[in-house]
Amino acid sequence: MLNDNTVSKLHEMRLSVMAQAFREQLKDSSFHELSFEERLGLLVDAEWAVRKNNRMARLIKKADYAM
């Protein structure tokens, strides 16, 4: 129950990539060996990477460069 609430709140805060990464961590038992800080860091890294990539793609499109 708590995990479902957490995922819902992440989506509400528009952190959908972090929510998906959290779900994946819950399914994969190898993540349980990591510390809280390591797991949180992986969640933040996933969200950050997608946002940076989306920003770069948006800027390239705005500059009218072909990919």
PDB file of N, CA and C in Angstrom:
ATOM      1  N   MET A   1       0.813  -1.198   0.000  1.00  0.00           N
ATOM      2  CA  MET A   1       0.000   0.000   0.000  1.00  0.00           C
ATOM      3  C   MET A   1       0.856   1.262   0.000  1.00  0.00           C
ATOM      4  N   LEU A   2       1.825   1.308   0.861  1.00  0.00           N
ATOM      5  CA  LEU A   2       2.678   2.495   0.950  1.00  0.00           C
ATOM      6  C   LEU A   2       3.385   2.745  -0.373  1.00  0.00           C
ATOM      7  N   ASN A   3       3.845   1.675  -1.018  1.00  0.00           N
ATOM      8  CA  ASN A   3       4.549   1.837  -2.295  1.00  0.00           C
ATOM      9  C   ASN A   3       3.624   2.376  -3.376  1.00  0.00           C
ATOM     10  N   ASP A   4       2.367   1.932  -3.395  1.00  0.00           N
ATOM     11  CA  ASP A   4       1.400   2.444  -4.368  1.00  0.00           C
ATOM     12  C   ASP A   4       1.166   3.935  -4.161  1.00  0.00           C
ATOM     13  N   ASN A   5       1.072   4.350  -2.905  1.00  0.00           N
ATOM     14  CA  ASN A   5       0.898   5.773  -2.603  1.00  0.00           C
ATOM     15  C   ASN A   5       2.111   6.575  -3.047  1.00  0.00           C
ATOM     16  N   THR A   6       3.278   6.027  -2.834  1.00  0.00           N
ATOM     17  CA  THR A   6       4.514   6.704  -3.229  1.00  0.00           C
ATOM     18  C   THR A   6       4.557   6.886  -4.742  1.00  0.00           C
ATOM     19  N   VAL A   7       4.230   5.838  -5.475  1.00  0.00           N
ATOM     20  CA  VAL A   7       4.231   5.914  -6.942  1.00  0.00           C
ATOM     21  C   VAL A   7       3.204   6.938  -7.416  1.00  0.00           C
ATOM     22  N   SER A   8       2.035   6.941  -6.818  1.00  0.00           N
ATOM     23  CA  SER A   8       1.001   7.912  -7.187  1.00  0.00           C
ATOM     24  C   SER A   8       1.466   9.343  -6.941  1.00  0.00           C
ATOM     25  N   LYS A   9       2.106   9.560  -5.821  1.00  0.00           N
ATOM     26  CA  LYS A   9       2.591  10.902  -5.494  1.00  0.00           C
ATOM     27  C   LYS A   9       3.705  11.331  -6.442  1.00  0.00           C
ATOM     28  N   LEU A  10       4.577  10.400  -6.826  1.00  0.00           N
ATOM     29  CA  LEU A  10       5.625  10.725  -7.787  1.00  0.00           C
ATOM     30  C   LEU A  10       5.021  11.146  -9.123  1.00  0.00           C
ATOM     31  N   HIS A  11       4.000  10.426  -9.562  1.00  0.00           N
ATOM     32  CA  HIS A  11       3.323  10.809 -10.808  1.00  0.00           C
ATOM     33  C   HIS A  11       2.664  12.172 -10.665  1.00  0.00           C
ATOM     34  N   GLU A  12       2.033  12.419  -9.526  1.00  0.00           N
ATOM     35  CA  GLU A  12       1.371  13.703  -9.288  1.00  0.00           C
ATOM     36  C   GLU A  12       2.362  14.859  -9.326  1.00  0.00           C
ATOM     37  N   MET A  13       3.587  14.604  -8.881  1.00  0.00           N
ATOM     38  CA  MET A  13       4.633  15.630  -8.901  1.00  0.00           C
ATOM     39  C   MET A  13       5.365  15.668 -10.246  1.00  0.00           C
ATOM     40  N   ARG A  14       4.842  14.908 -11.204  1.00  0.00           N
ATOM     41  CA  ARG A  14       5.416  14.832 -12.544  1.00  0.00           C
ATOM     42  C   ARG A  14       6.836  14.270 -12.543  1.00  0.00           C
ATOM     43  N   LEU A  15       7.033  13.240 -11.731  1.00  0.00           N
ATOM     44  CA  LEU A  15       8.293  12.518 -11.680  1.00  0.00           C
ATOM     45  C   LEU A  15       8.048  11.085 -12.151  1.00  0.00           C
ATOM     46  N   SER A  16       7.509  10.975 -13.359  1.00  0.00           N
ATOM     47  CA  SER A  16       7.079   9.671 -13.861  1.00  0.00           C
ATOM     48  C   SER A  16       8.240   8.705 -14.092  1.00  0.00           C
ATOM     49  N   VAL A  17       9.379   9.220 -14.510  1.00  0.00           N
ATOM     50  CA  VAL A  17      10.542   8.351 -14.720  1.00  0.00           C
ATOM     51  C   VAL A  17      11.010   7.790 -13.381  1.00  0.00           C
ATOM     52  N   MET A  18      11.005   8.624 -12.366  1.00  0.00           N
ATOM     53  CA  MET A  18      11.399   8.167 -11.038  1.00  0.00           C
ATOM     54  C   MET A  18      10.406   7.121 -10.523  1.00  0.00           C
ATOM     55  N   ALA A  19       9.128   7.321 -10.800  1.00  0.00           N
ATOM     56  CA  ALA A  19       8.105   6.359 -10.385  1.00  0.00           C
ATOM     57  C   ALA A  19       8.333   5.014 -11.059  1.00  0.00           C
ATOM     58  N   GLN A  20       8.622   5.032 -12.356  1.00  0.00           N
ATOM     59  CA  GLN A  20       8.877   3.788 -13.078  1.00  0.00           C
ATOM     60  C   GLN A  20      10.146   3.107 -12.567  1.00  0.00           C
ATOM     61  N   ALA A  21      11.187   3.872 -12.322  1.00  0.00           N
ATOM     62  CA  ALA A  21      12.430   3.300 -11.800  1.00  0.00           C
ATOM     63  C   ALA A  21      12.203   2.704 -10.409  1.00  0.00           C
ATOM     64  N   PHE A  22      11.368   3.336  -9.596  1.00  0.00           N
ATOM     65  CA  PHE A  22      11.043   2.820  -8.266  1.00  0.00           C
ATOM     66  C   PHE A  22      10.313   1.486  -8.381  1.00  0.00           C
ATOM     67  N   ARG A  23       9.359   1.400  -9.305  1.00  0.00           N
ATOM     68  CA  ARG A  23       8.651   0.130  -9.531  1.00  0.00           C
ATOM     69  C   ARG A  23       9.631  -0.970  -9.937  1.00  0.00           C
ATOM     70  N   GLU A  24      10.568  -0.628 -10.810  1.00  0.00           N
ATOM     71  CA  GLU A  24      11.564  -1.613 -11.250  1.00  0.00           C
ATOM     72  C   GLU A  24      12.442  -2.064 -10.094  1.00  0.00           C
ATOM     73  N   GLN A  25      12.807  -1.122  -9.218  1.00  0.00           N
ATOM     74  CA  GLN A  25      13.597  -1.484  -8.046  1.00  0.00           C
ATOM     75  C   GLN A  25      12.830  -2.438  -7.139  1.00  0.00           C
ATOM     76  N   LEU A  26      11.538  -2.230  -7.008  1.00  0.00           N
ATOM     77  CA  LEU A  26      10.726  -3.095  -6.152  1.00  0.00           C
ATOM     78  C   LEU A  26      10.642  -4.513  -6.708  1.00  0.00           C
ATOM     79  N   LYS A  27      10.627  -4.648  -8.023  1.00  0.00           N
ATOM     80  CA  LYS A  27      10.519  -5.962  -8.666  1.00  0.00           C
ATOM     81  C   LYS A  27      11.836  -6.737  -8.640  1.00  0.00           C
ATOM     82  N   ASP A  28      12.945  -6.029  -8.696  1.00  0.00           N
ATOM     83  CA  ASP A  28      14.264  -6.665  -8.814  1.00  0.00           C
ATOM     84  C   ASP A  28      14.914  -6.776  -7.440  1.00  0.00           C
ATOM     85  N   SER A  29      15.095  -7.994  -6.972  1.00  0.00           N
ATOM     86  CA  SER A  29      15.635  -8.210  -5.623  1.00  0.00           C
ATOM     87  C   SER A  29      17.103  -7.791  -5.487  1.00  0.00           C
ATOM     88  N   SER A  30      17.820  -7.639  -6.590  1.00  0.00           N
ATOM     89  CA  SER A  30      19.229  -7.234  -6.487  1.00  0.00           C
ATOM     90  C   SER A  30      19.379  -5.816  -5.948  1.00  0.00           C
ATOM     91  N   PHE A  31      18.339  -4.994  -6.084  1.00  0.00           N
ATOM     92  CA  PHE A  31      18.389  -3.632  -5.546  1.00  0.00           C
ATOM     93  C   PHE A  31      18.320  -3.610  -4.024  1.00  0.00           C
ATOM     94  N   HIS A  32      17.792  -4.678  -3.428  1.00  0.00           N
ATOM     95  CA  HIS A  32      17.659  -4.722  -1.975  1.00  0.00           C
ATOM     96  C   HIS A  32      19.017  -4.755  -1.269  1.00  0.00           C
ATOM     97  N   GLU A  33      20.042  -5.121  -1.995  1.00  0.00           N
ATOM     98  CA  GLU A  33      21.391  -5.155  -1.423  1.00  0.00           C
ATOM     99  C   GLU A  33      22.003  -3.762  -1.312  1.00  0.00           C
ATOM    100  N   LEU A  34      21.455  -2.807  -2.029  1.00  0.00           N
ATOM    101  CA  LEU A  34      21.998  -1.442  -2.023  1.00  0.00           C
ATOM    102  C   LEU A  34      21.477  -0.664  -0.823  1.00  0.00           C
ATOM    103  N   SER A  35      22.229   0.320  -0.430  1.00  0.00           N
ATOM    104  CA  SER A  35      21.797   1.190   0.663  1.00  0.00           C
ATOM    105  C   SER A  35      20.705   2.130   0.177  1.00  0.00           C
ATOM    106  N   PHE A  36      20.043   2.762   1.120  1.00  0.00           N
ATOM    107  CA  PHE A  36      19.004   3.736   0.786  1.00  0.00           C
ATOM    108  C   PHE A  36      19.565   4.831  -0.109  1.00  0.00           C
ATOM    109  N   GLU A  37      20.732   5.346   0.241  1.00  0.00           N
ATOM    110  CA  GLU A  37      21.340   6.432  -0.518  1.00  0.00           C
ATOM    111  C   GLU A  37      21.650   6.009  -1.945  1.00  0.00           C
ATOM    112  N   GLU A  38      22.129   4.779  -2.118  1.00  0.00           N
ATOM    113  CA  GLU A  38      22.443   4.289  -3.463  1.00  0.00           C
ATOM    114  C   GLU A  38      21.169   4.140  -4.301  1.00  0.00           C
ATOM    115  N   ARG A  39      20.131   3.595  -3.697  1.00  0.00           N
ATOM    116  CA  ARG A  39      18.871   3.417  -4.423  1.00  0.00           C
ATOM    117  C   ARG A  39      18.247   4.766  -4.771  1.00  0.00           C
ATOM    118  N   LEU A  40      18.269   5.692  -3.836  1.00  0.00           N
ATOM    119  CA  LEU A  40      17.733   7.028  -4.106  1.00  0.00           C
ATOM    120  C   LEU A  40      18.535   7.698  -5.214  1.00  0.00           C
ATOM    121  N   GLY A  41      19.840   7.556  -5.164  1.00  0.00           N
ATOM    122  CA  GLY A  41      20.702   8.126  -6.198  1.00  0.00           C
ATOM    123  C   GLY A  41      20.374   7.585  -7.578  1.00  0.00           C
ATOM    124  N   LEU A  42      20.096   6.293  -7.682  1.00  0.00           N
ATOM    125  CA  LEU A  42      19.726   5.702  -8.968  1.00  0.00           C
ATOM    126  C   LEU A  42      18.400   6.256  -9.468  1.00  0.00           C
ATOM    127  N   LEU A  43      17.450   6.465  -8.565  1.00  0.00           N
ATOM    128  CA  LEU A  43      16.162   7.042  -8.953  1.00  0.00           C
ATOM    129  C   LEU A  43      16.334   8.464  -9.469  1.00  0.00           C
ATOM    130  N   VAL A  44      17.110   9.246  -8.754  1.00  0.00           N
ATOM    131  CA  VAL A  44      17.348  10.642  -9.159  1.00  0.00           C
ATOM    132  C   VAL A  44      18.111  10.683 -10.476  1.00  0.00           C
ATOM    133  N   ASP A  45      19.097   9.823 -10.629  1.00  0.00           N
ATOM    134  CA  ASP A  45      19.866   9.784 -11.883  1.00  0.00           C
ATOM    135  C   ASP A  45      18.978   9.462 -13.078  1.00  0.00           C
ATOM    136  N   ALA A  46      18.046   8.533 -12.911  1.00  0.00           N
ATOM    137  CA  ALA A  46      17.151   8.164 -14.011  1.00  0.00           C
ATOM    138  C   ALA A  46      16.292   9.361 -14.424  1.00  0.00           C
ATOM    139  N   GLU A  47      15.709  10.037 -13.456  1.00  0.00           N
ATOM    140  CA  GLU A  47      14.865  11.204 -13.753  1.00  0.00           C
ATOM    141  C   GLU A  47      15.691  12.315 -14.389  1.00  0.00           C
ATOM    142  N   TRP A  48      16.857  12.569 -13.856  1.00  0.00           N
ATOM    143  CA  TRP A  48      17.733  13.635 -14.351  1.00  0.00           C
ATOM    144  C   TRP A  48      18.142  13.371 -15.800  1.00  0.00           C
ATOM    145  N   ALA A  49      18.530  12.121 -16.097  1.00  0.00           N
ATOM    146  CA  ALA A  49      18.994  11.788 -17.444  1.00  0.00           C
ATOM    147  C   ALA A  49      17.897  11.982 -18.481  1.00  0.00           C
ATOM    148  N   VAL A  50      16.688  11.545 -18.155  1.00  0.00           N
ATOM    149  CA  VAL A  50      15.586  11.701 -19.108  1.00  0.00           C
ATOM    150  C   VAL A  50      15.266  13.172 -19.317  1.00  0.00           C
ATOM    151  N   ARG A  51      15.265  13.945 -18.248  1.00  0.00           N
ATOM    152  CA  ARG A  51      14.971  15.376 -18.388  1.00  0.00           C
ATOM    153  C   ARG A  51      16.044  16.090 -19.215  1.00  0.00           C
ATOM    154  N   LYS A  52      17.311  15.760 -18.988  1.00  0.00           N
ATOM    155  CA  LYS A  52      18.397  16.374 -19.767  1.00  0.00           C
ATOM    156  C   LYS A  52      18.286  15.991 -21.236  1.00  0.00           C
ATOM    157  N   ASN A  53      18.011  14.716 -21.504  1.00  0.00           N
ATOM    158  CA  ASN A  53      17.882  14.265 -22.887  1.00  0.00           C
ATOM    159  C   ASN A  53      16.690  14.920 -23.572  1.00  0.00           C
ATOM    160  N   ASN A  54      15.576  15.036 -22.870  1.00  0.00           N
ATOM    161  CA  ASN A  54      14.406  15.698 -23.438  1.00  0.00           C
ATOM    162  C   ASN A  54      14.685  17.166 -23.729  1.00  0.00           C
ATOM    163  N   ARG A  55      15.397  17.814 -22.833  1.00  0.00           N
ATOM    164  CA  ARG A  55      15.741  19.229 -23.028  1.00  0.00           C
ATOM    165  C   ARG A  55      16.635  19.398 -24.257  1.00  0.00           C
ATOM    166  N   MET A  56      17.615  18.519 -24.369  1.00  0.00           N
ATOM    167  CA  MET A  56      18.533  18.597 -25.509  1.00  0.00           C
ATOM    168  C   MET A  56      17.770  18.371 -26.817  1.00  0.00           C
ATOM    169  N   ALA A  57      16.890  17.398 -26.844  1.00  0.00           N
ATOM    170  CA  ALA A  57      16.103  17.133 -28.049  1.00  0.00           C
ATOM    171  C   ALA A  57      15.211  18.320 -28.387  1.00  0.00           C
ATOM    172  N   ARG A  58      14.632  18.939 -27.370  1.00  0.00           N
ATOM    173  CA  ARG A  58      13.778  20.111 -27.586  1.00  0.00           C
ATOM    174  C   ARG A  58      14.586  21.272 -28.153  1.00  0.00           C
ATOM    175  N   LEU A  59      15.791  21.499 -27.620  1.00  0.00           N
ATOM    176  CA  LEU A  59      16.638  22.583 -28.116  1.00  0.00           C
ATOM    177  C   LEU A  59      17.098  22.330 -29.539  1.00  0.00           C
ATOM    178  N   ILE A  60      17.426  21.102 -29.850  1.00  0.00           N
ATOM    179  CA  ILE A  60      17.842  20.760 -31.222  1.00  0.00           C
ATOM    180  C   ILE A  60      16.684  20.992 -32.185  1.00  0.00           C
ATOM    181  N   LYS A  61      15.497  20.554 -31.780  1.00  0.00           N
ATOM    182  CA  LYS A  61      14.319  20.747 -32.641  1.00  0.00           C
ATOM    183  C   LYS A  61      14.023  22.232 -32.828  1.00  0.00           C
ATOM    184  N   LYS A  62      14.146  23.000 -31.757  1.00  0.00           N
ATOM    185  CA  LYS A  62      13.902  24.429 -31.825  1.00  0.00           C
ATOM    186  C   LYS A  62      14.922  25.129 -32.711  1.00  0.00           C
ATOM    187  N   ALA A  63      16.159  24.652 -32.709  1.00  0.00           N
ATOM    188  CA  ALA A  63      17.210  25.246 -33.524  1.00  0.00           C
ATOM    189  C   ALA A  63      17.074  24.837 -35.001  1.00  0.00           C
ATOM    190  N   ASP A  64      16.157  23.918 -35.266  1.00  0.00           N
ATOM    191  CA  ASP A  64      15.875  23.475 -36.625  1.00  0.00           C
ATOM    192  C   ASP A  64      16.994  22.629 -37.214  1.00  0.00           C
ATOM    193  N   TYR A  65      17.712  21.902 -36.378  1.00  0.00           N
ATOM    194  CA  TYR A  65      18.719  20.970 -36.850  1.00  0.00           C
ATOM    195  C   TYR A  65      18.047  19.636 -37.092  1.00  0.00           C
ATOM    196  N   ALA A  66      18.468  18.954 -38.141  1.00  0.00           N
ATOM    197  CA  ALA A  66      17.929  17.621 -38.429  1.00  0.00           C
ATOM    198  C   ALA A  66      18.760  16.579 -37.678  1.00  0.00           C
ATOM    199  N   MET A  67      18.094  15.616 -37.166  1.00  0.00           N
ATOM    200  CA  MET A  67      18.793  14.540 -36.435  1.00  0.00           C
ATOM    201  C   MET A  67      19.051  13.375 -37.355  1.00  0.00           C
TER     202      MET A  67
END
